[in-house]
N, C-alpha and C. Protein backbone atom coordinates (compact mmCIF):
# COMPACT_ATOMS: atom_id res chain seq x y z
N UNK A 1 1.22 -1.04 0.09
CA UNK A 1 -0.28 -0.01 -0.10
C UNK A 1 1.02 1.18 -0.49
N UNK A 2 0.80 2.27 -0.70
CA UNK A 2 1.40 3.52 -0.77
C UNK A 2 1.30 4.22 -0.06
N UNK A 3 2.31 4.99 0.32
CA UNK A 3 1.95 5.84 1.72
C UNK A 3 2.24 7.32 1.67
N UNK A 4 2.33 8.55 2.28
CA UNK A 4 2.23 9.42 2.05
C UNK A 4 3.52 10.06 1.30
N UNK A 5 4.63 9.37 2.26
CA UNK A 5 5.76 9.73 1.83
C UNK A 5 6.08 9.36 -0.07
N UNK A 6 5.60 8.07 0.02
CA UNK A 6 5.70 7.37 -1.28
C UNK A 6 4.86 8.41 -2.60
N UNK A 7 3.63 9.45 -2.17
CA UNK A 7 3.36 10.47 -2.65
C UNK A 7 4.14 11.51 -3.16
N UNK A 8 4.56 11.58 -1.87
CA UNK A 8 5.62 12.93 -2.08
C UNK A 8 6.46 12.56 -2.72
N UNK A 9 7.33 11.29 -2.46
CA UNK A 9 8.27 11.35 -3.33
C UNK A 9 8.11 11.01 -5.05
N UNK A 10 7.04 10.28 -5.44
CA UNK A 10 5.94 10.48 -6.88
C UNK A 10 5.88 12.00 -7.19
N UNK A 11 5.64 12.76 -6.91
CA UNK A 11 5.53 14.33 -7.01
C UNK A 11 7.30 14.68 -7.73
N UNK A 12 7.81 14.93 -6.44
CA UNK A 12 9.33 14.68 -6.99
C UNK A 12 9.39 14.69 -8.02
N UNK A 13 9.66 13.47 -8.17
CA UNK A 13 10.09 12.97 -9.50
C UNK A 13 9.43 13.16 -10.25
N UNK A 14 8.16 13.86 -10.85
CA UNK A 14 7.43 14.04 -11.93
C UNK A 14 8.45 15.54 -12.63
N UNK A 15 8.42 15.72 -10.98
CA UNK A 15 9.23 17.27 -11.08
C UNK A 15 10.77 17.33 -12.46
N UNK A 16 11.16 16.02 -11.63
CA UNK A 16 12.15 15.76 -12.21
C UNK A 16 12.23 15.32 -13.61
N UNK A 17 11.36 14.58 -13.89
CA UNK A 17 11.06 13.97 -15.04
C UNK A 17 10.87 15.16 -16.02
N UNK A 18 9.85 16.47 -15.64
CA UNK A 18 9.47 16.94 -16.53
C UNK A 18 10.82 17.85 -17.32
N UNK A 19 11.83 17.90 -16.28
CA UNK A 19 12.81 19.00 -16.24
C UNK A 19 13.24 18.01 -17.28
N UNK A 20 13.92 16.86 -17.20
CA UNK A 20 14.25 15.90 -17.84
C UNK A 20 14.14 16.23 -19.51
N UNK A 21 12.99 16.22 -19.87
CA UNK A 21 11.71 16.47 -20.95
C UNK A 21 12.31 17.48 -21.47
N UNK A 22 11.73 18.46 -20.74
CA UNK A 22 11.85 19.56 -21.08
C UNK A 22 13.90 20.30 -21.49
N UNK A 23 14.51 19.17 -20.96
CA UNK A 23 16.30 19.95 -21.41
C UNK A 23 16.17 18.98 -23.07
N UNK A 24 15.68 18.32 -22.92
CA UNK A 24 15.83 16.89 -23.54
C UNK A 24 15.57 17.95 -25.40
N UNK A 25 14.52 18.36 -24.84
CA UNK A 25 13.37 18.83 -26.69
C UNK A 25 14.38 20.22 -26.27
N UNK A 26 14.77 21.50 -25.75
CA UNK A 26 15.25 22.30 -25.89
C UNK A 26 16.83 22.19 -26.45
N UNK A 27 17.40 21.20 -25.53
CA UNK A 27 18.67 21.12 -26.18
C UNK A 27 19.44 20.40 -27.52
N UNK A 28 18.34 19.18 -27.29
CA UNK A 28 18.93 18.33 -28.57
C UNK A 28 17.23 17.76 -28.96
N UNK A 29 16.26 18.07 -29.77
CA UNK A 29 15.06 17.94 -29.77
C UNK A 29 15.39 16.45 -31.18
N UNK A 30 16.26 16.36 -31.44
CA UNK A 30 16.83 15.21 -32.50
C UNK A 30 17.35 13.69 -32.39
N UNK A 31 17.55 14.04 -30.87
CA UNK A 31 18.81 13.24 -30.16
C UNK A 31 17.13 11.81 -30.13
N UNK A 32 16.59 11.15 -30.88
CA UNK A 32 15.17 10.45 -30.45
C UNK A 32 15.87 9.04 -28.99
N UNK A 33 16.53 9.23 -28.86
CA UNK A 33 17.26 8.17 -27.96
C UNK A 33 16.89 9.24 -26.82
N UNK A 34 17.61 10.55 -26.49
CA UNK A 34 17.75 11.22 -25.68
C UNK A 34 16.09 11.52 -25.19
N UNK A 35 15.38 11.77 -26.16
CA UNK A 35 14.39 12.35 -26.36
C UNK A 35 13.50 11.32 -25.39
N UNK A 36 13.40 9.52 -26.01
CA UNK A 36 11.97 9.01 -25.98
C UNK A 36 12.49 8.62 -24.41
N UNK A 37 14.06 8.68 -24.17
CA UNK A 37 14.44 8.19 -22.28
C UNK A 37 13.69 9.20 -21.95
N UNK A 38 13.60 10.59 -21.97
CA UNK A 38 13.01 11.25 -21.17
C UNK A 38 10.91 11.16 -20.89
N UNK A 39 10.96 11.13 -22.48
CA UNK A 39 9.10 10.58 -22.28
C UNK A 39 9.11 9.36 -21.65
N UNK A 40 9.67 8.15 -21.49
CA UNK A 40 9.50 7.11 -20.86
C UNK A 40 9.70 7.61 -19.50
N UNK A 41 10.80 8.33 -18.56
CA UNK A 41 10.63 8.47 -17.24
C UNK A 41 9.66 9.46 -17.05
N UNK A 42 9.23 10.15 -17.77
CA UNK A 42 8.10 11.02 -17.34
C UNK A 42 7.14 10.39 -17.09
N UNK A 43 6.96 9.24 -18.27
CA UNK A 43 5.16 8.69 -18.23
C UNK A 43 5.61 7.59 -17.13
N UNK A 44 6.50 7.04 -16.51
CA UNK A 44 6.49 6.10 -15.66
C UNK A 44 6.14 6.23 -14.22
N UNK A 45 7.42 7.94 -14.19
CA UNK A 45 6.58 8.64 -12.90
C UNK A 45 5.50 9.10 -12.94
N UNK A 46 4.51 9.80 -13.78
CA UNK A 46 3.51 9.45 -13.97
C UNK A 46 1.93 8.71 -13.27
N UNK A 47 2.21 7.06 -13.82
CA UNK A 47 1.90 5.93 -13.89
C UNK A 47 2.11 6.10 -12.60
N UNK A 48 3.08 5.91 -11.75
CA UNK A 48 3.86 5.44 -10.54
C UNK A 48 2.57 6.50 -9.54
N UNK A 49 3.24 7.77 -10.08
CA UNK A 49 2.19 8.99 -8.83
C UNK A 49 0.64 8.43 -9.08
N UNK A 50 0.61 8.20 -10.29
CA UNK A 50 -1.43 7.78 -9.93
C UNK A 50 -1.37 6.31 -9.58
N UNK A 51 -0.64 5.23 -9.44
CA UNK A 51 -1.15 4.43 -9.23
C UNK A 51 -1.15 4.72 -7.32
N UNK A 52 -0.30 5.41 -7.01
CA UNK A 52 -0.22 5.26 -5.50
C UNK A 52 -1.11 6.28 -4.97
N UNK A 53 -1.36 7.55 -5.88
CA UNK A 53 -2.30 8.44 -5.57
C UNK A 53 -4.01 7.42 -5.04
N UNK A 54 -3.81 6.74 -6.24
CA UNK A 54 -5.02 5.68 -5.89
C UNK A 54 -5.24 4.84 -4.73
N UNK A 55 -4.14 4.81 -4.89
CA UNK A 55 -4.49 3.45 -3.52
C UNK A 55 -3.92 3.80 -2.05
N UNK A 56 -3.32 5.28 -2.15
CA UNK A 56 -3.85 6.14 -0.99
C UNK A 56 -4.66 6.92 -0.38
N UNK A 57 -5.59 7.24 -1.60
CA UNK A 57 -6.50 8.06 -1.13
C UNK A 57 -7.90 7.83 -2.12
N UNK A 58 -7.81 6.64 -3.37
CA UNK A 58 -8.89 6.44 -3.96
C UNK A 58 -9.26 7.66 -4.75
N UNK A 59 -8.72 8.69 -5.21
CA UNK A 59 -8.83 9.68 -6.37
C UNK A 59 -8.28 8.88 -7.70
N UNK A 60 -8.94 9.33 -8.48
CA UNK A 60 -8.83 9.17 -9.87
C UNK A 60 -7.15 9.59 -10.38
N UNK A 61 -7.12 9.58 -11.78
CA UNK A 61 -6.05 9.72 -12.76
C UNK A 61 -6.28 11.08 -13.14
N UNK A 62 -5.73 12.11 -12.30
CA UNK A 62 -5.64 13.51 -12.58
C UNK A 62 -5.42 13.70 -13.81
N UNK A 63 -4.89 13.15 -14.27
CA UNK A 63 -4.16 13.03 -16.21
C UNK A 63 -5.52 12.89 -16.99
N UNK A 64 -6.58 11.96 -16.62
CA UNK A 64 -6.89 10.88 -17.68
C UNK A 64 -7.51 11.68 -18.76
N UNK A 65 -8.18 13.14 -18.74
CA UNK A 65 -8.24 13.26 -20.02
C UNK A 65 -7.92 14.90 -20.05
N UNK A 66 -6.28 14.74 -20.04
CA UNK A 66 -5.40 15.88 -20.95
C UNK A 66 -5.80 15.95 -22.18
N UNK A 67 -5.67 14.86 -22.36
CA UNK A 67 -5.00 14.76 -23.99
C UNK A 67 -6.92 15.61 -24.69
N UNK A 68 -7.58 15.27 -24.21
CA UNK A 68 -9.20 15.49 -24.38
C UNK A 68 -9.30 16.81 -24.37
N UNK A 69 -8.98 17.54 -23.61
CA UNK A 69 -8.74 18.58 -23.17
C UNK A 69 -7.73 19.23 -24.10
N UNK A 70 -6.65 18.92 -23.97
CA UNK A 70 -5.87 19.26 -25.61
C UNK A 70 -6.52 19.25 -26.87
N UNK A 71 -6.88 18.27 -27.17
CA UNK A 71 -7.85 18.45 -28.93
C UNK A 71 -8.29 19.68 -28.74
N UNK A 72 -9.53 19.59 -27.79
CA UNK A 72 -10.11 20.55 -27.85
C UNK A 72 -9.90 22.16 -27.71
N UNK A 73 -9.15 22.05 -26.94
CA UNK A 73 -8.48 23.59 -27.14
C UNK A 73 -7.61 23.79 -28.49
N UNK A 74 -6.87 22.83 -29.15
CA UNK A 74 -6.29 22.71 -30.26
C UNK A 74 -7.12 23.48 -31.56
N UNK A 75 -8.41 22.14 -31.29
CA UNK A 75 -9.33 23.04 -32.17
C UNK A 75 -10.17 24.31 -32.19
N UNK A 76 -10.17 24.69 -30.82
CA UNK A 76 -10.88 25.88 -30.85
C UNK A 76 -9.37 27.48 -31.20
N UNK A 77 -8.46 27.16 -30.92
CA UNK A 77 -7.32 28.10 -31.30
C UNK A 77 -7.53 28.05 -32.60
N UNK A 78 -7.66 26.84 -33.65
CA UNK A 78 -7.28 26.56 -35.16
C UNK A 78 -8.52 27.12 -35.68
N UNK A 79 -9.89 27.35 -34.66
CA UNK A 79 -11.00 27.79 -35.24
C UNK A 79 -11.08 29.21 -35.19
N UNK A 80 -10.28 30.08 -33.92
CA UNK A 80 -10.10 31.49 -33.03
C UNK A 80 -9.30 31.86 -34.33
N UNK A 81 -8.24 31.10 -35.04
CA UNK A 81 -6.92 31.64 -36.14
C UNK A 81 -7.37 31.36 -37.64
N UNK A 82 -8.23 30.23 -37.68
CA UNK A 82 -8.42 30.32 -39.10
C UNK A 82 -10.03 30.89 -40.02
N UNK A 83 -10.66 31.37 -38.43
CA UNK A 83 -12.44 31.77 -38.95
C UNK A 83 -12.74 30.45 -39.08
N UNK A 84 -12.33 29.14 -39.25
CA UNK A 84 -13.09 28.31 -39.30
C UNK A 84 -13.38 27.63 -38.13
N UNK A 85 -14.46 26.31 -38.04
CA UNK A 85 -14.56 25.22 -36.98
C UNK A 85 -13.21 24.71 -36.49
N UNK A 86 -12.69 23.80 -37.58
CA UNK A 86 -11.46 23.28 -36.54
C UNK A 86 -10.68 22.73 -37.95
N UNK A 87 -9.21 22.62 -37.43
CA UNK A 87 -8.78 22.10 -38.46
C UNK A 87 -6.88 22.53 -38.05
N UNK A 88 -5.95 22.00 -39.22
CA UNK A 88 -4.91 22.34 -38.90
C UNK A 88 -4.24 22.91 -40.62
N UNK A 89 -4.26 24.28 -40.56
CA UNK A 89 -3.94 25.32 -41.22
C UNK A 89 -2.41 25.52 -41.75
N UNK A 90 -1.18 24.35 -40.77
CA UNK A 90 0.31 24.59 -40.55
C UNK A 90 0.16 24.07 -42.06
N UNK A 91 0.48 23.33 -42.39
CA UNK A 91 0.51 22.94 -44.12
C UNK A 91 1.62 22.04 -43.96
N UNK A 92 2.38 21.50 -42.27
CA UNK A 92 3.14 20.40 -42.35
C UNK A 92 2.65 19.33 -42.46
N UNK A 93 3.50 18.42 -43.04
CA UNK A 93 2.75 16.82 -42.93
C UNK A 93 3.37 16.25 -42.11
N UNK A 94 2.00 14.98 -41.85
CA UNK A 94 1.30 14.51 -40.64
C UNK A 94 3.06 13.90 -40.15
N UNK A 95 3.27 13.46 -38.99
CA UNK A 95 4.19 13.06 -39.08
C UNK A 95 3.74 11.70 -38.04
N UNK A 96 4.93 10.67 -38.41
CA UNK A 96 4.71 9.35 -38.27
C UNK A 96 5.29 8.75 -36.94
N UNK A 97 4.25 8.10 -35.78
CA UNK A 97 4.91 7.87 -34.47
C UNK A 97 4.66 6.67 -34.26
N UNK A 98 5.77 5.70 -33.42
CA UNK A 98 5.54 4.30 -33.40
C UNK A 98 5.02 4.39 -32.04
N UNK A 99 4.30 3.49 -31.50
CA UNK A 99 4.14 3.60 -30.04
C UNK A 99 3.72 1.93 -29.93
N UNK A 100 4.82 1.32 -29.32
CA UNK A 100 4.92 -0.15 -28.23
C UNK A 100 4.54 -0.24 -27.19
N UNK A 101 4.23 -1.28 -26.78
CA UNK A 101 3.28 -1.10 -25.73
C UNK A 101 3.29 -3.00 -25.38
N UNK A 102 3.90 -3.02 -24.05
CA UNK A 102 3.50 -4.61 -23.69
C UNK A 102 3.34 -4.29 -22.21
N UNK A 103 2.29 -5.65 -21.53
CA UNK A 103 2.23 -5.46 -20.11
C UNK A 103 2.12 -6.65 -20.05
N UNK A 104 2.59 -7.19 -18.83
CA UNK A 104 2.09 -8.81 -17.62
C UNK A 104 1.36 -8.30 -17.27
N UNK A 105 0.33 -8.78 -16.96
CA UNK A 105 -0.63 -8.88 -16.23
C UNK A 105 -1.29 -10.24 -15.93
N UNK A 106 -1.51 -9.94 -14.05
CA UNK A 106 -2.45 -10.82 -13.45
C UNK A 106 -3.88 -10.74 -13.91
N UNK A 107 -4.98 -11.98 -14.08
CA UNK A 107 -6.28 -11.18 -13.79
C UNK A 107 -6.70 -12.36 -12.94
N UNK A 108 -6.63 -11.33 -11.81
CA UNK A 108 -7.01 -11.76 -9.87
C UNK A 108 -9.13 -11.99 -10.22
N UNK A 109 -9.26 -11.69 -11.22
CA UNK A 109 -10.70 -11.54 -11.04
C UNK A 109 -11.69 -11.11 -12.18
N UNK A 110 -11.48 -12.16 -13.04
CA UNK A 110 -12.37 -11.84 -14.16
C UNK A 110 -13.71 -11.58 -14.23
N UNK A 111 -14.69 -11.88 -13.10
CA UNK A 111 -16.02 -12.02 -13.22
C UNK A 111 -15.86 -10.11 -12.89
N UNK A 112 -15.58 -9.83 -12.20
CA UNK A 112 -15.07 -8.28 -11.01
C UNK A 112 -14.89 -7.55 -12.81
N UNK A 113 -14.11 -8.02 -13.45
CA UNK A 113 -13.72 -7.04 -14.50
C UNK A 113 -14.81 -7.06 -15.77
N UNK A 114 -15.68 -8.43 -16.00
CA UNK A 114 -16.34 -8.38 -16.56
C UNK A 114 -17.98 -7.34 -16.37
N UNK A 115 -18.40 -7.36 -14.84
CA UNK A 115 -18.75 -6.44 -13.93
C UNK A 115 -18.57 -4.71 -14.29
N UNK A 116 -18.09 -4.83 -13.96
CA UNK A 116 -16.90 -3.56 -14.26
C UNK A 116 -17.19 -3.23 -16.28
N UNK A 117 -17.16 -3.49 -17.02
CA UNK A 117 -17.53 -3.73 -18.44
C UNK A 117 -19.19 -3.18 -18.48
N UNK A 118 -19.98 -4.37 -18.25
CA UNK A 118 -21.11 -4.10 -18.05
C UNK A 118 -21.59 -2.80 -16.80
N UNK A 119 -21.26 -2.87 -16.17
CA UNK A 119 -21.70 -1.48 -15.74
C UNK A 119 -21.26 -0.07 -16.07
N UNK A 120 -20.34 0.02 -17.38
CA UNK A 120 -20.30 1.02 -17.73
C UNK A 120 -21.14 1.00 -19.48
N UNK A 121 -21.43 -0.18 -19.10
CA UNK A 121 -22.42 -0.18 -20.30
C UNK A 121 -21.01 -0.50 -21.84
N UNK A 122 -20.46 -1.01 -21.51
CA UNK A 122 -18.76 -1.12 -22.76
C UNK A 122 -19.19 -2.41 -23.70
N UNK A 123 -19.03 -2.39 -25.11
CA UNK A 123 -18.78 -3.72 -25.39
C UNK A 123 -18.65 -4.97 -24.66
N UNK A 124 -18.78 -5.50 -24.65
CA UNK A 124 -18.06 -7.44 -24.38
C UNK A 124 -18.31 -7.77 -25.50
N UNK A 125 -17.47 -7.73 -26.54
CA UNK A 125 -17.64 -8.52 -27.60
C UNK A 125 -16.91 -9.78 -28.01
N UNK A 126 -16.09 -10.32 -27.26
CA UNK A 126 -15.35 -11.03 -27.00
C UNK A 126 -15.65 -11.60 -25.98
N UNK A 127 -15.81 -11.10 -24.75
CA UNK A 127 -16.23 -12.38 -23.59
C UNK A 127 -17.55 -12.10 -22.74
N UNK A 128 -18.43 -11.91 -24.07
CA UNK A 128 -19.89 -11.69 -23.14
C UNK A 128 -20.65 -13.30 -23.13
N UNK A 129 -20.10 -14.21 -24.09
CA UNK A 129 -20.90 -15.34 -23.76
C UNK A 129 -20.06 -16.28 -24.13
N UNK A 130 -18.79 -16.30 -22.93
CA UNK A 130 -18.24 -17.07 -22.46
C UNK A 130 -17.25 -17.32 -21.11
N UNK A 131 -17.13 -18.17 -20.71
CA UNK A 131 -17.06 -18.28 -19.29
C UNK A 131 -16.06 -17.34 -18.82
N UNK A 132 -16.04 -17.27 -17.94
CA UNK A 132 -14.93 -16.02 -16.85
C UNK A 132 -13.70 -16.74 -16.91
N UNK A 133 -13.68 -17.92 -17.00
CA UNK A 133 -11.97 -18.48 -17.32
C UNK A 133 -11.53 -18.44 -18.33
N UNK A 134 -11.60 -17.07 -19.30
CA UNK A 134 -11.13 -17.14 -20.39
C UNK A 134 -11.14 -15.68 -20.86
N UNK A 135 -9.76 -15.69 -19.76
CA UNK A 135 -9.28 -14.09 -19.21
C UNK A 135 -9.15 -13.32 -20.73
N UNK A 136 -8.37 -13.75 -21.56
CA UNK A 136 -7.99 -13.22 -22.52
C UNK A 136 -8.75 -12.54 -23.23
N UNK A 137 -10.61 -13.25 -23.43
CA UNK A 137 -11.46 -11.98 -23.84
C UNK A 137 -11.76 -11.23 -22.99
N UNK A 138 -12.00 -11.25 -21.31
CA UNK A 138 -11.98 -10.43 -21.09
C UNK A 138 -11.39 -9.25 -20.79
N UNK A 139 -10.00 -9.32 -21.40
CA UNK A 139 -8.63 -7.60 -20.91
C UNK A 139 -8.71 -7.70 -22.43
N UNK A 140 -9.35 -8.26 -23.12
CA UNK A 140 -8.96 -7.84 -24.77
C UNK A 140 -10.68 -6.81 -25.03
N UNK A 141 -11.41 -6.99 -23.97
CA UNK A 141 -12.87 -6.40 -24.24
C UNK A 141 -12.32 -4.87 -23.25
N UNK A 142 -11.86 -5.14 -22.12
CA UNK A 142 -10.94 -3.89 -21.38
C UNK A 142 -9.98 -2.92 -22.58
N UNK A 143 -9.33 -3.57 -23.09
CA UNK A 143 -8.56 -3.01 -23.60
C UNK A 143 -9.39 -2.32 -24.99
N UNK A 144 -10.56 -2.97 -25.79
CA UNK A 144 -10.73 -2.21 -27.02
C UNK A 144 -11.70 -0.81 -25.78
N UNK A 145 -12.52 -1.13 -24.50
CA UNK A 145 -13.44 -0.15 -24.24
C UNK A 145 -12.72 1.17 -23.42
N UNK A 146 -11.37 0.96 -22.67
CA UNK A 146 -10.65 1.74 -22.31
C UNK A 146 -9.07 2.50 -23.07
N UNK A 147 -8.96 1.57 -23.51
CA UNK A 147 -8.15 1.79 -24.51
C UNK A 147 -6.61 1.28 -23.99
N UNK A 148 -6.85 0.09 -22.52
CA UNK A 148 -5.97 0.08 -21.82
C UNK A 148 -4.97 0.21 -20.86
N UNK A 149 -5.85 0.74 -20.17
CA UNK A 149 -5.25 1.30 -18.24
C UNK A 149 -5.34 0.47 -17.70
N UNK A 150 -4.32 -0.80 -17.63
CA UNK A 150 -4.87 -1.74 -16.54
C UNK A 150 -4.93 -1.59 -15.30
N UNK A 151 -4.39 -0.22 -14.56
CA UNK A 151 -4.11 0.08 -13.22
C UNK A 151 -4.81 0.85 -12.74
N UNK A 152 -6.17 1.05 -13.12
CA UNK A 152 -6.95 1.32 -12.90
C UNK A 152 -8.43 0.50 -12.26
N UNK A 153 -7.84 -0.54 -12.76
CA UNK A 153 -9.08 -1.65 -12.37
C UNK A 153 -8.64 -1.77 -10.90
N UNK A 154 -7.39 -1.96 -10.39
CA UNK A 154 -7.18 -2.13 -8.87
C UNK A 154 -6.45 -3.54 -9.35
N UNK A 155 -5.42 -4.07 -8.14
CA UNK A 155 -4.97 -4.80 -8.79
C UNK A 155 -5.96 -6.22 -8.01
N UNK A 156 -6.85 -6.40 -7.01
CA UNK A 156 -7.54 -7.11 -6.97
C UNK A 156 -8.46 -7.86 -8.34
N UNK A 157 -8.38 -6.85 -8.79
CA UNK A 157 -8.74 -7.12 -10.43
C UNK A 157 -7.98 -7.36 -11.22
N UNK A 158 -6.81 -6.46 -11.70
CA UNK A 158 -5.86 -7.03 -12.65
C UNK A 158 -4.39 -6.32 -11.62
N UNK A 159 -3.74 -7.31 -11.86
CA UNK A 159 -2.42 -7.29 -11.25
C UNK A 159 -1.93 -6.69 -12.75
N UNK A 160 -0.97 -5.89 -12.30
CA UNK A 160 0.11 -4.90 -13.70
C UNK A 160 1.53 -5.60 -12.64
N UNK A 161 2.13 -7.16 -13.59
CA UNK A 161 3.29 -7.54 -13.34
C UNK A 161 4.46 -6.97 -13.80
N UNK A 162 4.30 -6.35 -15.49
CA UNK A 162 5.20 -5.85 -16.20
C UNK A 162 4.49 -5.16 -17.04
N UNK A 163 5.50 -4.01 -17.27
CA UNK A 163 4.66 -2.60 -18.32
C UNK A 163 6.21 -2.37 -19.09
N UNK A 164 5.92 -2.32 -20.20
CA UNK A 164 7.34 -1.70 -20.78
C UNK A 164 6.67 -0.90 -22.50
N UNK A 165 6.76 0.32 -22.85
CA UNK A 165 6.31 0.70 -23.71
C UNK A 165 7.22 1.62 -23.78
N UNK A 166 7.54 2.24 -25.23
CA UNK A 166 7.93 2.94 -25.99
C UNK A 166 7.62 4.23 -27.22
N UNK A 167 8.35 5.01 -27.22
CA UNK A 167 7.80 5.83 -28.35
C UNK A 167 8.44 7.04 -29.07
N UNK A 168 8.07 6.71 -30.04
CA UNK A 168 9.26 7.58 -31.08
C UNK A 168 8.36 7.94 -32.64
N UNK A 169 9.78 8.01 -33.61
CA UNK A 169 9.47 8.41 -34.56
C UNK A 169 9.75 7.19 -34.91
N UNK A 170 8.57 7.07 -36.44
CA UNK A 170 9.08 5.51 -37.06
C UNK A 170 9.72 5.85 -37.74
N UNK A 171 10.81 4.84 -37.98
CA UNK A 171 12.22 5.05 -38.84
C UNK A 171 12.21 3.37 -40.05
């Protein structure tokens, strides 16, 4: 179980990780290894913080809807700048980014995971008509419903044993 000290150390690590990320972008934005390392450190720090905060306080992920808010703000800014509803008028070609993620999880309660899906009204495309013993189907449905954030379910339902990911330009 997370402690108050874990949470405070996590906040300090997020600050240090943000600083490393800013330095990598400001000093060597073309150094993919440095930028990816900084991104990975920042993401790991944020995930650890969110897990600890959830365990300690029961509060949810404070970062969960940032991307949605950024998209909305970008659309509003684009509409203001161009006089249109939304869009990107920068003329820059789209970037191709490669994201790789790997999780090793233990499903401790497949029925609870299935109930979680049902309570949210999420589709149970793969697991709806099979027994709870087919855990891969439940995990697949969670992935499809939530974009896969296994820490949000709690270790009593899904325990994350290993997590690896990377993000960078597709070469």
